Amino acid sequence: MNLSLWPRVREPFVDWGYRGLRGLASSLGLELEVVARPYAGVRGVWVRERTFAWLGRNRRLAKDYEANPGVSEAWVYLGMLRLLVKRLARAA
């Protein structure tokens, strides 16, 4: 590994999964700082990511086909409407 590409990296912070790499890091002249707490994440991110995944299942929303942003917005509404109707039909 060529550390000259990253001259400012001297003490990287890692989680518990990387604690076994201390020997490798010391041979490279680095000292790993193992973070005690796991990364908590940003609240609500998974909700947005899940929604984008649902929208991506619609063929017209999987790629950026539309030149007009208004048409793309309409397809987003139609995609979410389809999901809502499907859920309502399942609940009834």
PDB file of N, CA and C in Angstrom:
ATOM      1  N   MET A   1       0.848  -1.175   0.000  1.00  0.00           N
ATOM      2  CA  MET A   1       0.000   0.000   0.000  1.00  0.00           C
ATOM      3  C   MET A   1       0.893   1.236   0.000  1.00  0.00           C
ATOM      4  N   ASN A   2       0.591   2.152  -0.860  1.00  0.00           N
ATOM      5  CA  ASN A   2       1.390   3.360  -0.991  1.00  0.00           C
ATOM      6  C   ASN A   2       0.773   4.465  -0.135  1.00  0.00           C
ATOM      7  N   LEU A   3       1.345   4.685   1.037  1.00  0.00           N
ATOM      8  CA  LEU A   3       0.795   5.698   1.940  1.00  0.00           C
ATOM      9  C   LEU A   3       1.144   7.117   1.525  1.00  0.00           C
ATOM     10  N   SER A   4       2.019   7.271   0.537  1.00  0.00           N
ATOM     11  CA  SER A   4       2.338   8.625   0.083  1.00  0.00           C
ATOM     12  C   SER A   4       1.136   9.277  -0.598  1.00  0.00           C
ATOM     13  N   LEU A   5       0.163   8.471  -0.991  1.00  0.00           N
ATOM     14  CA  LEU A   5      -1.056   9.030  -1.585  1.00  0.00           C
ATOM     15  C   LEU A   5      -1.918   9.730  -0.546  1.00  0.00           C
ATOM     16  N   TRP A   6      -1.791   9.313   0.715  1.00  0.00           N
ATOM     17  CA  TRP A   6      -2.569   9.887   1.810  1.00  0.00           C
ATOM     18  C   TRP A   6      -1.622  10.324   2.923  1.00  0.00           C
ATOM     19  N   PRO A   7      -0.928  11.429   2.760  1.00  0.00           N
ATOM     20  CA  PRO A   7       0.094  11.819   3.746  1.00  0.00           C
ATOM     21  C   PRO A   7      -0.480  12.206   5.104  1.00  0.00           C
ATOM     22  N   ARG A   8      -1.738  12.601   5.168  1.00  0.00           N
ATOM     23  CA  ARG A   8      -2.312  13.056   6.437  1.00  0.00           C
ATOM     24  C   ARG A   8      -2.890  11.918   7.268  1.00  0.00           C
ATOM     25  N   VAL A   9      -3.012  10.735   6.700  1.00  0.00           N
ATOM     26  CA  VAL A   9      -3.572   9.604   7.436  1.00  0.00           C
ATOM     27  C   VAL A   9      -2.476   9.003   8.303  1.00  0.00           C
ATOM     28  N   ARG A  10      -2.632   9.133   9.605  1.00  0.00           N
ATOM     29  CA  ARG A  10      -1.668   8.568  10.542  1.00  0.00           C
ATOM     30  C   ARG A  10      -2.346   7.733  11.619  1.00  0.00           C
ATOM     31  N   GLU A  11      -3.574   8.069  11.991  1.00  0.00           N
ATOM     32  CA  GLU A  11      -4.282   7.343  13.040  1.00  0.00           C
ATOM     33  C   GLU A  11      -5.745   7.170  12.631  1.00  0.00           C
ATOM     34  N   PRO A  12      -6.025   6.180  11.779  1.00  0.00           N
ATOM     35  CA  PRO A  12      -7.413   5.998  11.338  1.00  0.00           C
ATOM     36  C   PRO A  12      -8.283   5.415  12.445  1.00  0.00           C
ATOM     37  N   PHE A  13      -9.525   5.851  12.483  1.00  0.00           N
ATOM     38  CA  PHE A  13     -10.513   5.318  13.417  1.00  0.00           C
ATOM     39  C   PHE A  13     -11.222   4.153  12.739  1.00  0.00           C
ATOM     40  N   VAL A  14     -11.306   3.026  13.427  1.00  0.00           N
ATOM     41  CA  VAL A  14     -11.958   1.841  12.869  1.00  0.00           C
ATOM     42  C   VAL A  14     -12.933   1.281  13.895  1.00  0.00           C
ATOM     43  N   ASP A  15     -13.862   0.441  13.430  1.00  0.00           N
ATOM     44  CA  ASP A  15     -14.777  -0.205  14.368  1.00  0.00           C
ATOM     45  C   ASP A  15     -14.209  -1.565  14.776  1.00  0.00           C
ATOM     46  N   TRP A  16     -14.978  -2.326  15.516  1.00  0.00           N
ATOM     47  CA  TRP A  16     -14.499  -3.589  16.080  1.00  0.00           C
ATOM     48  C   TRP A  16     -14.138  -4.611  15.015  1.00  0.00           C
ATOM     49  N   GLY A  17     -14.705  -4.506  13.828  1.00  0.00           N
ATOM     50  CA  GLY A  17     -14.413  -5.473  12.778  1.00  0.00           C
ATOM     51  C   GLY A  17     -12.985  -5.417  12.277  1.00  0.00           C
ATOM     52  N   TYR A  18     -12.288  -4.299  12.479  1.00  0.00           N
ATOM     53  CA  TYR A  18     -10.930  -4.127  11.973  1.00  0.00           C
ATOM     54  C   TYR A  18      -9.868  -4.247  13.058  1.00  0.00           C
ATOM     55  N   ARG A  19     -10.227  -4.637  14.258  1.00  0.00           N
ATOM     56  CA  ARG A  19      -9.256  -4.651  15.346  1.00  0.00           C
ATOM     57  C   ARG A  19      -8.161  -5.691  15.142  1.00  0.00           C
ATOM     58  N   GLY A  20      -8.392  -6.689  14.301  1.00  0.00           N
ATOM     59  CA  GLY A  20      -7.377  -7.697  14.024  1.00  0.00           C
ATOM     60  C   GLY A  20      -6.300  -7.226  13.068  1.00  0.00           C
ATOM     61  N   LEU A  21      -6.448  -6.056  12.500  1.00  0.00           N
ATOM     62  CA  LEU A  21      -5.482  -5.537  11.532  1.00  0.00           C
ATOM     63  C   LEU A  21      -4.415  -4.654  12.163  1.00  0.00           C
ATOM     64  N   ARG A  22      -4.290  -4.698  13.462  1.00  0.00           N
ATOM     65  CA  ARG A  22      -3.309  -3.836  14.124  1.00  0.00           C
ATOM     66  C   ARG A  22      -1.888  -4.153  13.684  1.00  0.00           C
ATOM     67  N   GLY A  23      -1.578  -5.443  13.482  1.00  0.00           N
ATOM     68  CA  GLY A  23      -0.236  -5.823  13.036  1.00  0.00           C
ATOM     69  C   GLY A  23       0.079  -5.269  11.666  1.00  0.00           C
ATOM     70  N   LEU A  24      -0.877  -5.361  10.750  1.00  0.00           N
ATOM     71  CA  LEU A  24      -0.689  -4.817   9.411  1.00  0.00           C
ATOM     72  C   LEU A  24      -0.533  -3.308   9.464  1.00  0.00           C
ATOM     73  N   ALA A  25      -1.351  -2.666  10.269  1.00  0.00           N
ATOM     74  CA  ALA A  25      -1.277  -1.208  10.373  1.00  0.00           C
ATOM     75  C   ALA A  25       0.061  -0.771  10.952  1.00  0.00           C
ATOM     76  N   SER A  26       0.559  -1.485  11.949  1.00  0.00           N
ATOM     77  CA  SER A  26       1.841  -1.085  12.541  1.00  0.00           C
ATOM     78  C   SER A  26       2.984  -1.287  11.556  1.00  0.00           C
ATOM     79  N   SER A  27       2.888  -2.299  10.683  1.00  0.00           N
ATOM     80  CA  SER A  27       3.934  -2.478   9.671  1.00  0.00           C
ATOM     81  C   SER A  27       3.914  -1.359   8.640  1.00  0.00           C
ATOM     82  N   LEU A  28       2.783  -0.706   8.490  1.00  0.00           N
ATOM     83  CA  LEU A  28       2.674   0.432   7.574  1.00  0.00           C
ATOM     84  C   LEU A  28       2.966   1.758   8.263  1.00  0.00           C
ATOM     85  N   GLY A  29       3.233   1.702   9.557  1.00  0.00           N
ATOM     86  CA  GLY A  29       3.518   2.932  10.291  1.00  0.00           C
ATOM     87  C   GLY A  29       2.273   3.649  10.769  1.00  0.00           C
ATOM     88  N   LEU A  30       1.175   2.936  10.867  1.00  0.00           N
ATOM     89  CA  LEU A  30      -0.084   3.519  11.323  1.00  0.00           C
ATOM     90  C   LEU A  30      -0.444   2.951  12.684  1.00  0.00           C
ATOM     91  N   GLU A  31      -1.211   3.700  13.431  1.00  0.00           N
ATOM     92  CA  GLU A  31      -1.748   3.207  14.692  1.00  0.00           C
ATOM     93  C   GLU A  31      -3.266   3.292  14.612  1.00  0.00           C
ATOM     94  N   LEU A  32      -3.928   2.137  14.676  1.00  0.00           N
ATOM     95  CA  LEU A  32      -5.385   2.106  14.578  1.00  0.00           C
ATOM     96  C   LEU A  32      -6.010   2.527  15.893  1.00  0.00           C
ATOM     97  N   GLU A  33      -7.030   3.343  15.804  1.00  0.00           N
ATOM     98  CA  GLU A  33      -7.818   3.733  16.967  1.00  0.00           C
ATOM     99  C   GLU A  33      -9.156   3.017  16.849  1.00  0.00           C
ATOM    100  N   VAL A  34      -9.370   1.994  17.681  1.00  0.00           N
ATOM    101  CA  VAL A  34     -10.616   1.225  17.640  1.00  0.00           C
ATOM    102  C   VAL A  34     -11.666   1.977  18.442  1.00  0.00           C
ATOM    103  N   VAL A  35     -12.758   2.327  17.789  1.00  0.00           N
ATOM    104  CA  VAL A  35     -13.833   3.083  18.420  1.00  0.00           C
ATOM    105  C   VAL A  35     -14.632   2.140  19.313  1.00  0.00           C
ATOM    106  N   ALA A  36     -14.902   2.576  20.535  1.00  0.00           N
ATOM    107  CA  ALA A  36     -15.587   1.719  21.508  1.00  0.00           C
ATOM    108  C   ALA A  36     -17.044   1.475  21.128  1.00  0.00           C
ATOM    109  N   ARG A  37     -17.742   2.509  20.721  1.00  0.00           N
ATOM    110  CA  ARG A  37     -19.158   2.362  20.370  1.00  0.00           C
ATOM    111  C   ARG A  37     -19.298   2.120  18.879  1.00  0.00           C
ATOM    112  N   PRO A  38     -20.231   1.277  18.475  1.00  0.00           N
ATOM    113  CA  PRO A  38     -20.474   1.110  17.042  1.00  0.00           C
ATOM    114  C   PRO A  38     -21.156   2.354  16.473  1.00  0.00           C
ATOM    115  N   TYR A  39     -21.048   2.512  15.178  1.00  0.00           N
ATOM    116  CA  TYR A  39     -21.655   3.643  14.489  1.00  0.00           C
ATOM    117  C   TYR A  39     -23.169   3.562  14.618  1.00  0.00           C
ATOM    118  N   ALA A  40     -23.782   4.615  15.141  1.00  0.00           N
ATOM    119  CA  ALA A  40     -25.226   4.618  15.370  1.00  0.00           C
ATOM    120  C   ALA A  40     -26.012   4.964  14.110  1.00  0.00           C
ATOM    121  N   GLY A  41     -25.400   5.672  13.190  1.00  0.00           N
ATOM    122  CA  GLY A  41     -26.091   6.045  11.974  1.00  0.00           C
ATOM    123  C   GLY A  41     -26.926   7.297  12.164  1.00  0.00           C
ATOM    124  N   VAL A  42     -27.446   7.779  11.073  1.00  0.00           N
ATOM    125  CA  VAL A  42     -28.283   8.966  11.092  1.00  0.00           C
ATOM    126  C   VAL A  42     -29.731   8.510  11.148  1.00  0.00           C
ATOM    127  N   ARG A  43     -30.474   9.088  12.044  1.00  0.00           N
ATOM    128  CA  ARG A  43     -31.855   8.667  12.260  1.00  0.00           C
ATOM    129  C   ARG A  43     -32.711   8.928  11.022  1.00  0.00           C
ATOM    130  N   GLY A  44     -33.433   7.928  10.594  1.00  0.00           N
ATOM    131  CA  GLY A  44     -34.369   8.069   9.487  1.00  0.00           C
ATOM    132  C   GLY A  44     -33.789   7.837   8.109  1.00  0.00           C
ATOM    133  N   VAL A  45     -32.494   7.567   8.002  1.00  0.00           N
ATOM    134  CA  VAL A  45     -31.893   7.374   6.684  1.00  0.00           C
ATOM    135  C   VAL A  45     -32.462   6.135   6.011  1.00  0.00           C
ATOM    136  N   TRP A  46     -32.655   5.071   6.777  1.00  0.00           N
ATOM    137  CA  TRP A  46     -33.139   3.828   6.175  1.00  0.00           C
ATOM    138  C   TRP A  46     -34.535   3.993   5.599  1.00  0.00           C
ATOM    139  N   VAL A  47     -35.334   4.902   6.159  1.00  0.00           N
ATOM    140  CA  VAL A  47     -36.686   5.134   5.633  1.00  0.00           C
ATOM    141  C   VAL A  47     -36.596   5.734   4.234  1.00  0.00           C
ATOM    142  N   ARG A  48     -35.706   6.698   4.054  1.00  0.00           N
ATOM    143  CA  ARG A  48     -35.543   7.303   2.731  1.00  0.00           C
ATOM    144  C   ARG A  48     -34.956   6.307   1.742  1.00  0.00           C
ATOM    145  N   GLU A  49     -33.960   5.562   2.168  1.00  0.00           N
ATOM    146  CA  GLU A  49     -33.338   4.589   1.275  1.00  0.00           C
ATOM    147  C   GLU A  49     -34.336   3.514   0.857  1.00  0.00           C
ATOM    148  N   ARG A  50     -35.176   3.076   1.782  1.00  0.00           N
ATOM    149  CA  ARG A  50     -36.191   2.079   1.475  1.00  0.00           C
ATOM    150  C   ARG A  50     -37.183   2.632   0.455  1.00  0.00           C
ATOM    151  N   THR A  51     -37.565   3.897   0.616  1.00  0.00           N
ATOM    152  CA  THR A  51     -38.512   4.515  -0.312  1.00  0.00           C
ATOM    153  C   THR A  51     -37.916   4.608  -1.707  1.00  0.00           C
ATOM    154  N   PHE A  52     -36.649   4.999  -1.803  1.00  0.00           N
ATOM    155  CA  PHE A  52     -36.004   5.064  -3.119  1.00  0.00           C
ATOM    156  C   PHE A  52     -35.883   3.675  -3.742  1.00  0.00           C
ATOM    157  N   ALA A  53     -35.683   2.658  -2.927  1.00  0.00           N
ATOM    158  CA  ALA A  53     -35.628   1.289  -3.452  1.00  0.00           C
ATOM    159  C   ALA A  53     -36.987   0.882  -4.008  1.00  0.00           C
ATOM    160  N   TRP A  54     -38.057   1.242  -3.318  1.00  0.00           N
ATOM    161  CA  TRP A  54     -39.395   0.936  -3.821  1.00  0.00           C
ATOM    162  C   TRP A  54     -39.651   1.648  -5.139  1.00  0.00           C
ATOM    163  N   LEU A  55     -39.236   2.903  -5.218  1.00  0.00           N
ATOM    164  CA  LEU A  55     -39.443   3.645  -6.461  1.00  0.00           C
ATOM    165  C   LEU A  55     -38.614   3.053  -7.592  1.00  0.00           C
ATOM    166  N   GLY A  56     -37.446   2.544  -7.275  1.00  0.00           N
ATOM    167  CA  GLY A  56     -36.581   1.959  -8.292  1.00  0.00           C
ATOM    168  C   GLY A  56     -37.139   0.695  -8.911  1.00  0.00           C
ATOM    169  N   ARG A  57     -38.138   0.092  -8.273  1.00  0.00           N
ATOM    170  CA  ARG A  57     -38.754  -1.111  -8.832  1.00  0.00           C
ATOM    171  C   ARG A  57     -39.706  -0.777  -9.980  1.00  0.00           C
ATOM    172  N   ASN A  58     -40.027   0.506 -10.173  1.00  0.00           N
ATOM    173  CA  ASN A  58     -40.849   0.929 -11.301  1.00  0.00           C
ATOM    174  C   ASN A  58     -39.930   1.162 -12.499  1.00  0.00           C
ATOM    175  N   ARG A  59     -40.309   0.620 -13.628  1.00  0.00           N
ATOM    176  CA  ARG A  59     -39.438   0.653 -14.800  1.00  0.00           C
ATOM    177  C   ARG A  59     -39.075   2.070 -15.228  1.00  0.00           C
ATOM    178  N   ARG A  60     -40.030   2.966 -15.221  1.00  0.00           N
ATOM    179  CA  ARG A  60     -39.757   4.330 -15.680  1.00  0.00           C
ATOM    180  C   ARG A  60     -38.916   5.123 -14.694  1.00  0.00           C
ATOM    181  N   LEU A  61     -38.859   4.676 -13.449  1.00  0.00           N
ATOM    182  CA  LEU A  61     -38.076   5.394 -12.445  1.00  0.00           C
ATOM    183  C   LEU A  61     -36.719   4.751 -12.195  1.00  0.00           C
ATOM    184  N   ALA A  62     -36.482   3.588 -12.788  1.00  0.00           N
ATOM    185  CA  ALA A  62     -35.210   2.911 -12.578  1.00  0.00           C
ATOM    186  C   ALA A  62     -34.068   3.664 -13.253  1.00  0.00           C
ATOM    187  N   LYS A  63     -34.345   4.323 -14.343  1.00  0.00           N
ATOM    188  CA  LYS A  63     -33.343   5.128 -15.056  1.00  0.00           C
ATOM    189  C   LYS A  63     -33.895   6.533 -15.241  1.00  0.00           C
ATOM    190  N   ASP A  64     -33.021   7.448 -15.571  1.00  0.00           N
ATOM    191  CA  ASP A  64     -33.435   8.836 -15.755  1.00  0.00           C
ATOM    192  C   ASP A  64     -33.762   9.059 -17.231  1.00  0.00           C
ATOM    193  N   TYR A  65     -34.975   8.688 -17.626  1.00  0.00           N
ATOM    194  CA  TYR A  65     -35.381   8.785 -19.018  1.00  0.00           C
ATOM    195  C   TYR A  65     -35.919  10.165 -19.381  1.00  0.00           C
ATOM    196  N   GLU A  66     -36.564  10.819 -18.460  1.00  0.00           N
ATOM    197  CA  GLU A  66     -37.343  12.011 -18.781  1.00  0.00           C
ATOM    198  C   GLU A  66     -36.464  13.258 -18.881  1.00  0.00           C
ATOM    199  N   ALA A  67     -36.766  14.093 -19.860  1.00  0.00           N
ATOM    200  CA  ALA A  67     -36.054  15.361 -20.014  1.00  0.00           C
ATOM    201  C   ALA A  67     -36.699  16.446 -19.163  1.00  0.00           C
ATOM    202  N   ASN A  68     -37.991  16.326 -18.937  1.00  0.00           N
ATOM    203  CA  ASN A  68     -38.733  17.320 -18.168  1.00  0.00           C
ATOM    204  C   ASN A  68     -38.843  16.852 -16.713  1.00  0.00           C
ATOM    205  N   PRO A  69     -38.375  17.642 -15.752  1.00  0.00           N
ATOM    206  CA  PRO A  69     -38.468  17.232 -14.349  1.00  0.00           C
ATOM    207  C   PRO A  69     -39.903  17.051 -13.864  1.00  0.00           C
ATOM    208  N   GLY A  70     -40.839  17.777 -14.455  1.00  0.00           N
ATOM    209  CA  GLY A  70     -42.237  17.625 -14.071  1.00  0.00           C
ATOM    210  C   GLY A  70     -42.769  16.238 -14.396  1.00  0.00           C
ATOM    211  N   VAL A  71     -42.334  15.690 -15.506  1.00  0.00           N
ATOM    212  CA  VAL A  71     -42.750  14.340 -15.885  1.00  0.00           C
ATOM    213  C   VAL A  71     -42.154  13.323 -14.915  1.00  0.00           C
ATOM    214  N   SER A  72     -40.897  13.525 -14.539  1.00  0.00           N
ATOM    215  CA  SER A  72     -40.271  12.631 -13.556  1.00  0.00           C
ATOM    216  C   SER A  72     -41.008  12.682 -12.223  1.00  0.00           C
ATOM    217  N   GLU A  73     -41.407  13.881 -11.827  1.00  0.00           N
ATOM    218  CA  GLU A  73     -42.150  14.025 -10.572  1.00  0.00           C
ATOM    219  C   GLU A  73     -43.488  13.300 -10.651  1.00  0.00           C
ATOM    220  N   ALA A  74     -44.151  13.401 -11.801  1.00  0.00           N
ATOM    221  CA  ALA A  74     -45.429  12.711 -11.974  1.00  0.00           C
ATOM    222  C   ALA A  74     -45.245  11.197 -11.877  1.00  0.00           C
ATOM    223  N   TRP A  75     -44.148  10.668 -12.420  1.00  0.00           N
ATOM    224  CA  TRP A  75     -43.887   9.235 -12.324  1.00  0.00           C
ATOM    225  C   TRP A  75     -43.605   8.811 -10.891  1.00  0.00           C
ATOM    226  N   VAL A  76     -42.979   9.683 -10.116  1.00  0.00           N
ATOM    227  CA  VAL A  76     -42.759   9.379  -8.697  1.00  0.00           C
ATOM    228  C   VAL A  76     -44.101   9.275  -7.981  1.00  0.00           C
ATOM    229  N   TYR A  77     -44.994  10.223  -8.248  1.00  0.00           N
ATOM    230  CA  TYR A  77     -46.328  10.165  -7.639  1.00  0.00           C
ATOM    231  C   TYR A  77     -47.073   8.900  -8.062  1.00  0.00           C
ATOM    232  N   LEU A  78     -46.986   8.553  -9.339  1.00  0.00           N
ATOM    233  CA  LEU A  78     -47.664   7.347  -9.814  1.00  0.00           C
ATOM    234  C   LEU A  78     -47.068   6.088  -9.183  1.00  0.00           C
ATOM    235  N   GLY A  79     -45.765   6.065  -9.029  1.00  0.00           N
ATOM    236  CA  GLY A  79     -45.123   4.909  -8.404  1.00  0.00           C
ATOM    237  C   GLY A  79     -45.541   4.740  -6.957  1.00  0.00           C
ATOM    238  N   MET A  80     -45.595   5.829  -6.213  1.00  0.00           N
ATOM    239  CA  MET A  80     -46.014   5.744  -4.815  1.00  0.00           C
ATOM    240  C   MET A  80     -47.509   5.447  -4.713  1.00  0.00           C
ATOM    241  N   LEU A  81     -48.306   5.961  -5.643  1.00  0.00           N
ATOM    242  CA  LEU A  81     -49.735   5.654  -5.664  1.00  0.00           C
ATOM    243  C   LEU A  81     -49.958   4.166  -5.914  1.00  0.00           C
ATOM    244  N   ARG A  82     -49.184   3.604  -6.816  1.00  0.00           N
ATOM    245  CA  ARG A  82     -49.279   2.169  -7.088  1.00  0.00           C
ATOM    246  C   ARG A  82     -48.957   1.360  -5.836  1.00  0.00           C
ATOM    247  N   LEU A  83     -47.930   1.763  -5.117  1.00  0.00           N
ATOM    248  CA  LEU A  83     -47.555   1.072  -3.884  1.00  0.00           C
ATOM    249  C   LEU A  83     -48.658   1.187  -2.833  1.00  0.00           C
ATOM    250  N   LEU A  84     -49.244   2.377  -2.712  1.00  0.00           N
ATOM    251  CA  LEU A  84     -50.307   2.599  -1.737  1.00  0.00           C
ATOM    252  C   LEU A  84     -51.546   1.769  -2.060  1.00  0.00           C
ATOM    253  N   VAL A  85     -51.950   1.752  -3.332  1.00  0.00           N
ATOM    254  CA  VAL A  85     -53.128   0.978  -3.733  1.00  0.00           C
ATOM    255  C   VAL A  85     -52.889  -0.509  -3.497  1.00  0.00           C
ATOM    256  N   LYS A  86     -51.690  -0.973  -3.769  1.00  0.00           N
ATOM    257  CA  LYS A  86     -51.361  -2.379  -3.545  1.00  0.00           C
ATOM    258  C   LYS A  86     -51.478  -2.736  -2.063  1.00  0.00           C
ATOM    259  N   ARG A  87     -51.011  -1.849  -1.200  1.00  0.00           N
ATOM    260  CA  ARG A  87     -51.120  -2.089   0.243  1.00  0.00           C
ATOM    261  C   ARG A  87     -52.567  -2.041   0.719  1.00  0.00           C
ATOM    262  N   LEU A  88     -53.333  -1.089   0.206  1.00  0.00           N
ATOM    263  CA  LEU A  88     -54.736  -0.994   0.606  1.00  0.00           C
ATOM    264  C   LEU A  88     -55.526  -2.215   0.146  1.00  0.00           C
ATOM    265  N   ALA A  89     -55.236  -2.713  -1.049  1.00  0.00           N
ATOM    266  CA  ALA A  89     -55.937  -3.896  -1.555  1.00  0.00           C
ATOM    267  C   ALA A  89     -55.592  -5.123  -0.719  1.00  0.00           C
ATOM    268  N   ARG A  90     -54.357  -5.206  -0.262  1.00  0.00           N
ATOM    269  CA  ARG A  90     -53.943  -6.336   0.564  1.00  0.00           C
ATOM    270  C   ARG A  90     -54.611  -6.279   1.935  1.00  0.00           C
ATOM    271  N   ALA A  91     -54.814  -5.065   2.475  1.00  0.00           N
ATOM    272  CA  ALA A  91     -55.407  -4.902   3.804  1.00  0.00           C
ATOM    273  C   ALA A  91     -56.918  -5.131   3.791  1.00  0.00           C
ATOM    274  N   ALA A  92     -57.548  -4.931   2.640  1.00  0.00           N
ATOM    275  CA  ALA A  92     -59.015  -5.056   2.563  1.00  0.00           C
ATOM    276  C   ALA A  92     -59.485  -6.481   2.481  1.00  0.00           C
TER     277      ALA A  92
END
